[in-house]
Protein backbone atom coordinates (compact mmCIF):
# COMPACT_ATOMS: atom_id res chain seq x y z
CA MET A 1 17.99 -41.98 13.80
CA THR A 2 16.20 -44.30 11.55
CA ARG A 3 14.12 -43.14 8.49
CA ARG A 4 10.85 -43.94 10.17
CA ALA A 5 11.74 -41.73 13.19
CA HIS A 6 13.14 -38.90 10.94
CA ALA A 7 10.05 -39.03 8.80
CA ALA A 8 7.81 -38.69 12.01
CA THR A 9 9.64 -35.59 13.16
CA HIS A 10 9.79 -33.94 9.78
CA PRO A 11 6.91 -34.08 7.48
CA ALA A 12 7.38 -34.55 3.78
CA SER A 13 5.91 -31.15 3.08
CA GLU A 14 8.95 -29.32 4.66
CA ARG A 15 11.62 -31.33 2.65
CA GLY A 16 13.64 -29.16 0.56
CA ASN A 17 12.69 -25.78 2.27
CA ILE A 18 16.47 -24.98 2.91
CA THR A 19 17.15 -25.29 -0.85
CA VAL A 20 14.43 -22.80 -1.81
CA PHE A 21 15.81 -20.46 1.05
CA GLY A 22 19.47 -20.90 -0.16
CA LEU A 23 18.50 -20.05 -3.85
CA GLY A 24 16.71 -17.11 -2.51
CA VAL A 25 19.72 -15.82 -0.69
CA TRP A 26 21.85 -16.33 -3.75
CA LEU A 27 19.53 -14.44 -5.82
CA ILE A 28 19.50 -11.54 -3.51
CA ALA A 29 23.34 -11.52 -3.30
CA VAL A 30 23.76 -11.58 -7.16
CA ALA A 31 21.21 -8.65 -7.49
CA MET A 32 23.02 -6.61 -4.95
CA LEU A 33 26.29 -7.35 -6.57
CA LEU A 34 25.04 -6.43 -10.02
CA GLY A 35 23.43 -3.34 -8.52
CA MET A 36 26.69 -2.21 -6.97
CA ILE A 37 28.62 -2.68 -10.14
CA MET A 38 26.12 -0.44 -12.01
CA LEU A 39 26.34 2.15 -9.47
CA GLY A 40 30.07 2.00 -9.45
CA THR A 41 30.24 2.51 -13.15
CA VAL A 42 28.23 5.61 -13.02
CA TYR A 43 30.17 7.00 -9.99
CA LEU A 44 33.46 6.25 -11.83
CA GLU A 45 32.38 8.11 -15.01
CA ARG A 46 31.41 11.12 -12.92
CA ARG A 47 34.61 11.32 -11.27
CA THR A 48 36.46 11.13 -14.61
CA LEU A 49 34.23 13.92 -16.08
CA GLN A 50 34.86 15.94 -12.74
CA ALA A 51 38.70 15.51 -13.30
CA GLU A 52 38.31 16.70 -16.82
CA ALA A 53 36.26 19.69 -16.00
CA ASP A 54 38.70 20.59 -13.13
CA SER A 55 41.51 20.36 -15.77
CA VAL A 56 39.81 22.45 -18.18
CA ALA A 57 38.78 25.25 -15.71
CA LEU A 58 42.32 25.43 -14.37
CA ALA A 59 43.90 25.56 -17.78
CA VAL A 60 41.48 28.22 -18.89
CA ALA A 61 42.15 30.30 -15.73
CA GLN A 62 45.90 30.05 -16.51
CA GLN A 63 45.58 31.43 -19.88
CA VAL A 64 46.78 35.05 -20.14
CA ASP A 65 46.54 36.78 -23.56
CA ASP A 66 50.11 38.22 -24.36
CA ALA A 67 48.64 41.13 -26.19
CA ALA A 68 46.64 41.94 -23.24
CA TYR A 69 49.52 41.52 -20.72
CA TYR A 70 52.02 43.62 -22.69
CA GLY A 71 49.36 46.01 -23.90
CA GLY A 72 47.75 46.78 -20.41
CA GLY A 73 44.39 45.39 -21.14
CA ALA A 74 42.26 43.01 -19.12
CA LEU A 75 44.15 40.10 -18.11
CA ALA A 76 41.16 37.82 -17.14
CA PRO A 77 39.51 36.03 -20.10
CA SER A 78 36.08 37.05 -21.23
CA SER A 79 33.25 34.68 -20.83
CA ALA A 80 33.20 34.02 -24.67
CA ALA A 81 36.98 33.30 -24.56
CA VAL A 82 36.34 30.80 -21.67
CA GLY A 83 33.60 29.12 -23.65
CA GLU A 84 35.81 28.86 -26.75
CA LEU A 85 38.83 27.69 -24.96
CA SER A 86 36.68 25.06 -23.01
CA ARG A 87 35.33 23.55 -26.24
CA THR A 88 38.81 23.26 -27.52
CA LEU A 89 40.30 21.59 -24.46
CA ALA A 90 37.45 19.40 -23.32
CA THR A 91 36.60 16.00 -24.86
CA HIS A 92 33.05 16.02 -23.51
CA ALA A 93 30.16 18.42 -24.32
CA VAL A 94 30.69 21.71 -22.72
CA VAL A 95 27.28 23.04 -21.45
CA ALA A 96 26.09 26.12 -19.62
CA PRO A 97 27.15 27.72 -17.22
CA VAL A 98 30.66 28.39 -18.86
CA GLY A 99 32.34 31.84 -18.36
CA VAL A 100 33.64 34.05 -15.70
CA GLU A 101 31.61 34.46 -12.61
CA ASN A 102 32.74 36.25 -9.38
CA GLY A 103 36.37 36.11 -10.10
CA SER A 104 36.36 32.35 -11.14
CA VAL A 105 36.41 30.56 -14.34
CA VAL A 106 33.23 28.17 -14.54
CA VAL A 107 33.22 25.25 -16.77
CA SER A 108 30.48 22.60 -16.97
CA LEU A 109 30.77 19.31 -18.93
CA ARG A 110 28.14 16.57 -19.87
CA GLY A 111 28.76 13.18 -20.45
CA ASN A 112 26.94 9.71 -20.57
CA ALA A 113 27.72 6.74 -18.30
CA ARG A 114 26.96 3.41 -19.98
CA VAL A 115 25.23 1.17 -17.43
CA PRO A 116 26.66 -2.47 -17.71
CA PHE A 117 24.03 -5.36 -18.24
CA LEU A 118 21.23 -2.80 -18.91
CA HIS A 119 22.79 -0.98 -21.77
CA VAL A 120 21.33 2.30 -20.70
CA ASP A 121 22.92 5.62 -20.90
CA VAL A 122 22.75 7.79 -17.66
CA PRO A 123 23.37 11.36 -18.20
CA VAL A 124 26.17 12.86 -16.03
CA ARG A 125 26.81 16.64 -15.51
CA VAL A 126 29.42 18.35 -13.56
CA THR A 127 30.65 21.94 -12.98
CA SER A 128 34.02 23.07 -11.99
CA ARG A 129 35.30 26.49 -10.80
CA ALA A 130 38.83 27.74 -10.92
CA HIS A 131 39.91 30.95 -9.25
CA LEU A 132 41.44 33.61 -11.34
CA ASP A 133 44.63 35.06 -9.76
CA VAL A 134 44.92 38.25 -11.72
CA ARG A 135 47.15 40.83 -10.09
């Protein structure tokens, strides 16, 4: 096809449209990738915080006071003891509700997920329960 025939079928105003379209597709793809990275960071922080809350709740539920065990006192820890132990074991902030509720130890933690590229902290809060098996 000669240049003159090509110019007759494709006006000059349409030249370069595929470049603009390609740039638009790339911008959308990069924006989606960055969004997924940001959401993934918050999700991973929440999972880490949930794992810590589960560990703390289980550790507190397994605590048995020796004096209470041998003295015939209450084997289940009090809500105050759960809060105190939780604050000792947790590396994140312990927030309400914390205590004993319906035969389970309840531990709630709060942390922040730092969103990359935006440098914004997103608050993350989780709650975990561990069943008290007191016989």
